[in-house]
C-alpha atoms as a PDB file:
ATOM      1  CA  GLY A   1     130.048 168.428 165.465  1.00  0.00           C
ATOM      2  CA  SER A   2     129.299 169.602 169.407  1.00  0.00           C
ATOM      3  CA  VAL A   3     125.680 170.728 170.407  1.00  0.00           C
ATOM      4  CA  TYR A   4     124.620 172.737 173.136  1.00  0.00           C
ATOM      5  CA  LYS A   5     121.903 174.174 174.835  1.00  0.00           C
ATOM      6  CA  LEU A   6     121.102 177.862 173.951  1.00  0.00           C
ATOM      7  CA  VAL A   7     118.734 179.833 176.422  1.00  0.00           C
ATOM      8  CA  LYS A   8     117.719 183.492 175.064  1.00  0.00           C
ATOM      9  CA  ASP A   9     116.512 185.751 177.761  1.00  0.00           C
ATOM     10  CA  LYS A  10     116.861 182.929 180.846  1.00  0.00           C
ATOM     11  CA  GLY A  11     113.750 183.770 183.400  1.00  0.00           C
ATOM     12  CA  THR A  12     111.651 186.191 181.612  1.00  0.00           C
ATOM     13  CA  GLU A  13     108.308 185.224 179.337  1.00  0.00           C
ATOM     14  CA  ASN A  14     110.556 185.482 176.216  1.00  0.00           C
ATOM     15  CA  GLU A  15     112.641 182.728 177.461  1.00  0.00           C
ATOM     16  CA  GLU A  16     113.385 180.764 174.108  1.00  0.00           C
ATOM     17  CA  VAL A  17     115.499 177.229 174.423  1.00  0.00           C
ATOM     18  CA  SER A  18     117.515 176.202 171.028  1.00  0.00           C
ATOM     19  CA  ALA A  19     120.178 173.663 169.924  1.00  0.00           C
ATOM     20  CA  LEU A  20     123.320 174.839 168.939  1.00  0.00           C
ATOM     21  CA  LYS A  21     125.559 172.960 166.749  1.00  0.00           C
ATOM     22  CA  ILE A  22     129.144 174.235 166.391  1.00  0.00           C
ATOM     23  CA  ILE A  23     131.209 171.945 163.640  1.00  0.00           C
ATOM     24  CA  ASN A  24     135.136 172.694 164.053  1.00  0.00           C
ATOM     25  CA  TRP A  25     137.539 172.064 161.531  1.00  0.00           C
ATOM     26  CA  THR A  26     141.508 172.426 162.388  1.00  0.00           C
ATOM     27  CA  LEU A  27     144.311 172.100 160.264  1.00  0.00           C
ATOM     28  CA  ASP A  28     147.425 170.918 162.301  1.00  0.00           C
ATOM     29  CA  ASN A  29     150.972 170.077 161.431  1.00  0.00           C
ATOM     30  CA  ASN A  30     150.694 166.262 161.198  1.00  0.00           C
ATOM     31  CA  THR A  31     147.498 166.704 159.109  1.00  0.00           C
ATOM     32  CA  VAL A  32     149.496 168.574 156.621  1.00  0.00           C
ATOM     33  CA  ARG A  33     152.607 166.661 156.396  1.00  0.00           C
ATOM     34  CA  TYR A  34     151.137 163.395 156.303  1.00  0.00           C
ATOM     35  CA  GLU A  35     148.350 164.106 154.264  1.00  0.00           C
ATOM     36  CA  PHE A  36     149.293 167.011 152.266  1.00  0.00           C
ATOM     37  CA  THR A  37     153.193 166.199 152.011  1.00  0.00           C
ATOM     38  CA  LYS A  38     153.619 169.408 154.051  1.00  0.00           C
ATOM     39  CA  ASP A  39     152.407 171.881 151.009  1.00  0.00           C
ATOM     40  CA  TRP A  40     150.290 174.442 152.858  1.00  0.00           C
ATOM     41  CA  ASP A  41     148.658 175.660 150.558  1.00  0.00           C
ATOM     42  CA  GLU A  42     147.075 172.690 149.182  1.00  0.00           C
ATOM     43  CA  ALA A  43     145.904 171.661 152.796  1.00  0.00           C
ATOM     44  CA  ARG A  44     144.298 174.909 153.101  1.00  0.00           C
ATOM     45  CA  LYS A  45     142.484 174.910 149.903  1.00  0.00           C
ATOM     46  CA  SER A  46     141.581 170.767 150.191  1.00  0.00           C
ATOM     47  CA  TYR A  47     139.799 171.868 153.730  1.00  0.00           C
ATOM     48  CA  ALA A  48     138.120 174.537 152.540  1.00  0.00           C
ATOM     49  CA  GLN A  49     136.265 172.746 149.769  1.00  0.00           C
ATOM     50  CA  ARG A  50     135.647 170.313 152.241  1.00  0.00           C
ATOM     51  CA  PHE A  51     133.956 172.495 154.778  1.00  0.00           C
ATOM     52  CA  ASP A  52     131.878 173.671 152.176  1.00  0.00           C
ATOM     53  CA  GLN A  53     130.979 170.553 151.027  1.00  0.00           C
ATOM     54  CA  MET A  54     130.196 169.954 154.874  1.00  0.00           C
ATOM     55  CA  THR A  55     127.873 172.617 155.054  1.00  0.00           C
ATOM     56  CA  GLN A  56     125.441 171.167 153.205  1.00  0.00           C
ATOM     57  CA  GLU A  57     123.556 169.695 156.106  1.00  0.00           C
ATOM     58  CA  VAL A  58     122.427 173.408 156.326  1.00  0.00           C
ATOM     59  CA  ASN A  59     121.224 173.484 152.781  1.00  0.00           C
ATOM     60  CA  LEU A  60     119.517 169.875 154.013  1.00  0.00           C
ATOM     61  CA  LEU A  61     117.644 171.791 156.684  1.00  0.00           C
ATOM     62  CA  GLU A  62     116.480 174.169 154.797  1.00  0.00           C
ATOM     63  CA  SER A  63     114.961 172.098 152.534  1.00  0.00           C
ATOM     64  CA  PHE A  64     112.811 171.113 155.303  1.00  0.00           C
ATOM     65  CA  VAL A  65     111.381 173.991 156.542  1.00  0.00           C
ATOM     66  CA  GLY A  66     107.551 173.186 157.815  1.00  0.00           C
ATOM     67  CA  MET A  67     108.301 169.616 158.056  1.00  0.00           C
ATOM     68  CA  LYS A  68     107.038 168.379 161.220  1.00  0.00           C
ATOM     69  CA  THR A  69     109.158 164.706 161.209  1.00  0.00           C
ATOM     70  CA  ILE A  70     112.190 167.142 160.754  1.00  0.00           C
ATOM     71  CA  VAL A  71     114.239 169.144 162.955  1.00  0.00           C
ATOM     72  CA  GLN A  72     113.750 172.854 162.253  1.00  0.00           C
ATOM     73  CA  LEU A  73     116.413 174.977 161.379  1.00  0.00           C
ATOM     74  CA  LYS A  74     116.482 178.350 162.847  1.00  0.00           C
ATOM     75  CA  GLY A  75     119.681 180.036 161.758  1.00  0.00           C
ATOM     76  CA  SER A  76     123.285 179.390 160.779  1.00  0.00           C
ATOM     77  CA  CYS A  77     126.517 181.420 159.960  1.00  0.00           C
ATOM     78  CA  THR A  78     130.278 179.875 158.945  1.00  0.00           C
ATOM     79  CA  GLU A  79     133.373 181.739 160.563  1.00  0.00           C
ATOM     80  CA  LYS A  80     136.529 180.805 158.175  1.00  0.00           C
ATOM     81  CA  MET A  81     139.954 181.557 158.884  1.00  0.00           C
ATOM     82  CA  PRO A  82     141.905 179.928 156.604  1.00  0.00           C
ATOM     83  CA  GLU A  83     145.021 181.737 157.269  1.00  0.00           C
ATOM     84  CA  LEU A  84     144.589 180.989 160.923  1.00  0.00           C
ATOM     85  CA  ASN A  85     143.963 177.638 159.511  1.00  0.00           C
ATOM     86  CA  TYR A  86     140.310 176.862 161.085  1.00  0.00           C
ATOM     87  CA  TRP A  87     136.877 176.623 160.177  1.00  0.00           C
ATOM     88  CA  LYS A  88     133.516 176.950 161.882  1.00  0.00           C
ATOM     89  CA  LEU A  89     130.131 176.220 161.115  1.00  0.00           C
ATOM     90  CA  TYR A  90     127.196 177.274 163.566  1.00  0.00           C
ATOM     91  CA  ILE A  91     123.647 175.667 162.860  1.00  0.00           C
ATOM     92  CA  GLN A  92     120.608 176.857 165.871  1.00  0.00           C
ATOM     93  CA  MET A  93     118.016 174.217 165.463  1.00  0.00           C
ATOM     94  CA  GLU A  94     115.069 173.810 168.018  1.00  0.00           C
ATOM     95  CA  TYR A  95     115.436 172.261 170.854  1.00  0.00           C
ATOM     96  CA  LEU A  96     114.594 168.869 171.501  1.00  0.00           C
ATOM     97  CA  LYS A  97     115.058 165.573 174.195  1.00  0.00           C
ATOM     98  CA  ASP A  98     116.720 162.689 172.427  1.00  0.00           C
ATOM     99  CA  LEU A  99     115.262 159.402 172.758  1.00  0.00           C
ATOM    100  CA  MET A 100     117.202 158.045 174.940  1.00  0.00           C
ATOM    101  CA  ASP A 101     116.591 160.475 177.794  1.00  0.00           C
ATOM    102  CA  PHE A 102     113.154 160.460 176.855  1.00  0.00           C
ATOM    103  CA  ALA A 103     112.794 156.852 177.200  1.00  0.00           C
ATOM    104  CA  ASP A 104     114.916 156.959 180.362  1.00  0.00           C
ATOM    105  CA  GLU A 105     112.449 159.339 181.555  1.00  0.00           C
ATOM    106  CA  CYS A 106     109.486 157.114 181.077  1.00  0.00           C
ATOM    107  CA  ASN A 107     111.690 154.136 182.883  1.00  0.00           C
ATOM    108  CA  GLY A 108     111.329 152.819 179.329  1.00  0.00           C
ATOM    109  CA  LEU A 109     108.709 152.605 176.387  1.00  0.00           C
ATOM    110  CA  THR A 110     105.742 150.756 176.385  1.00  0.00           C
ATOM    111  CA  ARG A 111     104.396 148.640 173.459  1.00  0.00           C
ATOM    112  CA  LYS A 112     102.342 150.926 172.502  1.00  0.00           C
ATOM    113  CA  GLN A 113     104.888 153.627 172.709  1.00  0.00           C
ATOM    114  CA  ILE A 114     107.274 151.540 170.562  1.00  0.00           C
ATOM    115  CA  VAL A 115     104.775 150.827 167.726  1.00  0.00           C
ATOM    116  CA  LYS A 116     104.018 154.719 167.548  1.00  0.00           C
ATOM    117  CA  LEU A 117     107.576 155.478 167.394  1.00  0.00           C
ATOM    118  CA  GLY A 118     108.516 153.064 164.182  1.00  0.00           C
ATOM    119  CA  ILE A 119     105.796 154.627 162.599  1.00  0.00           C
ATOM    120  CA  ASP A 120     107.060 158.093 163.340  1.00  0.00           C
ATOM    121  CA  ILE A 121     110.316 157.258 162.111  1.00  0.00           C
ATOM    122  CA  CYS A 122     109.427 155.795 159.143  1.00  0.00           C
ATOM    123  CA  ASN A 123     106.825 158.629 158.104  1.00  0.00           C
ATOM    124  CA  ALA A 124     109.779 161.182 158.772  1.00  0.00           C
ATOM    125  CA  LEU A 125     112.186 158.693 156.882  1.00  0.00           C
ATOM    126  CA  GLU A 126     109.736 158.523 153.876  1.00  0.00           C
ATOM    127  CA  VAL A 127     109.792 162.681 153.683  1.00  0.00           C
ATOM    128  CA  CYS A 128     113.661 162.465 153.557  1.00  0.00           C
ATOM    129  CA  HIS A 129     113.666 159.599 150.185  1.00  0.00           C
ATOM    130  CA  ALA A 130     111.002 161.499 148.886  1.00  0.00           C
ATOM    131  CA  LYS A 131     113.272 164.229 148.673  1.00  0.00           C
ATOM    132  CA  ASN A 132     115.798 161.475 147.125  1.00  0.00           C
ATOM    133  CA  ILE A 133     118.001 162.087 150.563  1.00  0.00           C
ATOM    134  CA  ILE A 134     119.453 159.381 152.184  1.00  0.00           C
ATOM    135  CA  HIS A 135     120.297 159.962 156.155  1.00  0.00           C
ATOM    136  CA  ARG A 136     122.994 156.923 156.839  1.00  0.00           C
ATOM    137  CA  ASP A 137     123.076 157.745 160.405  1.00  0.00           C
ATOM    138  CA  ILE A 138     120.006 156.883 161.558  1.00  0.00           C
ATOM    139  CA  LYS A 139     120.311 156.075 165.782  1.00  0.00           C
ATOM    140  CA  PRO A 140     118.640 156.889 168.835  1.00  0.00           C
ATOM    141  CA  GLN A 141     120.724 160.269 169.534  1.00  0.00           C
ATOM    142  CA  ASN A 142     119.439 161.284 166.477  1.00  0.00           C
ATOM    143  CA  ILE A 143     115.959 160.745 167.113  1.00  0.00           C
ATOM    144  CA  ILE A 144     114.021 163.359 169.047  1.00  0.00           C
ATOM    145  CA  ILE A 145     111.339 163.881 170.888  1.00  0.00           C
ATOM    146  CA  SER A 146     108.702 167.140 171.315  1.00  0.00           C
ATOM    147  CA  LYS A 147     106.997 168.085 174.511  1.00  0.00           C
ATOM    148  CA  GLU A 148     103.793 167.010 172.560  1.00  0.00           C
ATOM    149  CA  GLY A 149     105.755 162.945 171.933  1.00  0.00           C
ATOM    150  CA  LYS A 150     105.903 163.800 168.466  1.00  0.00           C
ATOM    151  CA  VAL A 151     108.996 161.608 166.919  1.00  0.00           C
ATOM    152  CA  LYS A 152     111.984 163.989 164.525  1.00  0.00           C
ATOM    153  CA  VAL A 153     115.177 163.271 162.641  1.00  0.00           C
ATOM    154  CA  THR A 154     118.161 165.379 163.624  1.00  0.00           C
ATOM    155  CA  ASP A 155     121.827 165.554 162.395  1.00  0.00           C
ATOM    156  CA  PHE A 156     122.005 165.351 158.932  1.00  0.00           C
ATOM    157  CA  GLY A 157     126.128 165.411 159.059  1.00  0.00           C
ATOM    158  CA  ILE A 158     126.669 162.719 156.543  1.00  0.00           C
ATOM    159  CA  ALA A 159     123.400 162.779 154.561  1.00  0.00           C
ATOM    160  CA  LYS A 160     123.614 162.011 151.072  1.00  0.00           C
ATOM    161  CA  ALA A 161     121.191 163.865 148.551  1.00  0.00           C
ATOM    162  CA  THR A 162     121.452 161.369 145.203  1.00  0.00           C
ATOM    163  CA  THR A 163     120.727 161.947 141.930  1.00  0.00           C
ATOM    164  CA  SER A 164     120.472 158.110 140.673  1.00  0.00           C
ATOM    165  CA  GLN A 165     119.740 155.222 142.739  1.00  0.00           C
ATOM    166  CA  THR A 166     122.798 154.780 144.922  1.00  0.00           C
ATOM    167  CA  VAL A 167     125.385 156.730 146.792  1.00  0.00           C
ATOM    168  CA  SER A 168     128.718 155.866 147.887  1.00  0.00           C
ATOM    169  CA  THR A 169     129.408 155.044 151.914  1.00  0.00           C
ATOM    170  CA  SER A 170     132.401 156.704 151.787  1.00  0.00           C
ATOM    171  CA  ALA A 171     131.038 158.498 155.130  1.00  0.00           C
ATOM    172  CA  MET A 172     129.795 155.574 157.610  1.00  0.00           C
ATOM    173  CA  GLY A 173     126.964 156.368 160.368  1.00  0.00           C
ATOM    174  CA  SER A 174     127.583 155.216 163.950  1.00  0.00           C
ATOM    175  CA  VAL A 175     129.117 151.468 163.767  1.00  0.00           C
ATOM    176  CA  HIS A 176     126.367 149.933 165.573  1.00  0.00           C
ATOM    177  CA  TYR A 177     123.113 151.085 163.346  1.00  0.00           C
ATOM    178  CA  VAL A 178     124.897 150.325 160.021  1.00  0.00           C
ATOM    179  CA  SER A 179     123.825 148.281 157.583  1.00  0.00           C
ATOM    180  CA  PRO A 180     125.813 145.938 155.948  1.00  0.00           C
ATOM    181  CA  GLU A 181     126.193 147.771 153.116  1.00  0.00           C
ATOM    182  CA  GLN A 182     127.478 150.637 154.934  1.00  0.00           C
ATOM    183  CA  ALA A 183     130.029 148.491 156.729  1.00  0.00           C
ATOM    184  CA  ARG A 184     131.585 146.628 153.252  1.00  0.00           C
ATOM    185  CA  GLY A 185     132.161 150.403 152.315  1.00  0.00           C
ATOM    186  CA  GLY A 186     129.415 149.458 149.563  1.00  0.00           C
ATOM    187  CA  TYR A 187     126.672 151.530 147.982  1.00  0.00           C
ATOM    188  CA  CYS A 188     123.333 152.204 150.059  1.00  0.00           C
ATOM    189  CA  ASP A 189     119.757 153.516 149.596  1.00  0.00           C
ATOM    190  CA  GLU A 190     116.699 153.923 151.536  1.00  0.00           C
ATOM    191  CA  LYS A 191     116.609 150.455 152.667  1.00  0.00           C
ATOM    192  CA  SER A 192     119.955 151.550 154.921  1.00  0.00           C
ATOM    193  CA  ASP A 193     117.774 153.874 156.315  1.00  0.00           C
ATOM    194  CA  ILE A 194     115.658 151.183 157.021  1.00  0.00           C
ATOM    195  CA  TYR A 195     117.961 148.957 158.878  1.00  0.00           C
ATOM    196  CA  SER A 196     118.965 151.540 160.819  1.00  0.00           C
ATOM    197  CA  ALA A 197     115.408 152.259 161.741  1.00  0.00           C
ATOM    198  CA  GLY A 198     115.002 148.492 162.922  1.00  0.00           C
ATOM    199  CA  ILE A 199     118.229 148.411 164.670  1.00  0.00           C
ATOM    200  CA  THR A 200     116.794 151.348 166.754  1.00  0.00           C
ATOM    201  CA  MET A 201     113.535 149.588 167.475  1.00  0.00           C
ATOM    202  CA  TYR A 202     115.499 146.783 168.839  1.00  0.00           C
ATOM    203  CA  GLU A 203     117.431 148.634 171.048  1.00  0.00           C
ATOM    204  CA  MET A 204     113.836 150.421 172.323  1.00  0.00           C
ATOM    205  CA  VAL A 205     112.091 146.774 172.521  1.00  0.00           C
ATOM    206  CA  THR A 206     115.424 144.539 174.133  1.00  0.00           C
ATOM    207  CA  GLY A 207     117.402 147.538 176.155  1.00  0.00           C
ATOM    208  CA  ARG A 208     120.605 146.198 173.950  1.00  0.00           C
ATOM    209  CA  VAL A 209     121.612 146.796 170.273  1.00  0.00           C
ATOM    210  CA  PRO A 210     121.664 143.523 168.435  1.00  0.00           C
ATOM    211  CA  PHE A 211     125.557 143.249 167.649  1.00  0.00           C
ATOM    212  CA  ASP A 212     128.257 144.097 169.946  1.00  0.00           C
ATOM    213  CA  GLY A 213     131.684 144.150 170.077  1.00  0.00           C
ATOM    214  CA  ASP A 214     135.018 145.019 171.462  1.00  0.00           C
ATOM    215  CA  SER A 215     136.082 147.140 168.596  1.00  0.00           C
ATOM    216  CA  THR A 216     134.179 148.841 165.999  1.00  0.00           C
ATOM    217  CA  VAL A 217     135.919 146.522 163.299  1.00  0.00           C
ATOM    218  CA  SER A 218     134.126 143.673 164.848  1.00  0.00           C
ATOM    219  CA  VAL A 219     131.327 145.014 164.953  1.00  0.00           C
ATOM    220  CA  ALA A 220     130.824 146.190 161.760  1.00  0.00           C
ATOM    221  CA  MET A 221     131.458 142.360 160.811  1.00  0.00           C
ATOM    222  CA  LYS A 222     128.771 140.858 162.298  1.00  0.00           C
ATOM    223  CA  HIS A 223     126.265 143.566 160.549  1.00  0.00           C
ATOM    224  CA  LEU A 224     127.259 141.452 157.067  1.00  0.00           C
END
């Protein structure tokens, strides 16, 4: 989805800044033709079910209310118009800078900042894993920094709450940060998040990701 900066009562003493994430699902002719063999009723039913599954991000954020290491939810709502073939999810969260913007403003992070960053990311993951939630998309853009320098994890769009030891990786995170098991399309667990956190730390230290390539496939292969 797309994320926007939302300002309420701008320029007043009551000014409040939030992040507004909007997820759009639109059903088009090509999708219905090739994925559902022109069956519009089946397509709308399938998309409605998928959209309801996507709203899990709101449920996960609600379970983290009060947790200092997880971005805080301010509100949410859905807009469902199946007769017009679109669905929208709005998620309002606290607005903070992502890790890359923070690092740029600091002209690079010091060793002390990087060590603290690593500890804070691990603390945030510990909170997630204690609830049996695998984030699956840890990367600098999903690490946000408060004005006080506190680290928080955000974007639980492809996170999974599990009741077993592992979850399927049918949804894969950003290819430069995925674990080998995610790249294979196999199963992942808490160690997958730790691997992605390690890639993030590597980038903060060196200024580059350890694996790069001309295509997503070539990058994924280098993780194996």
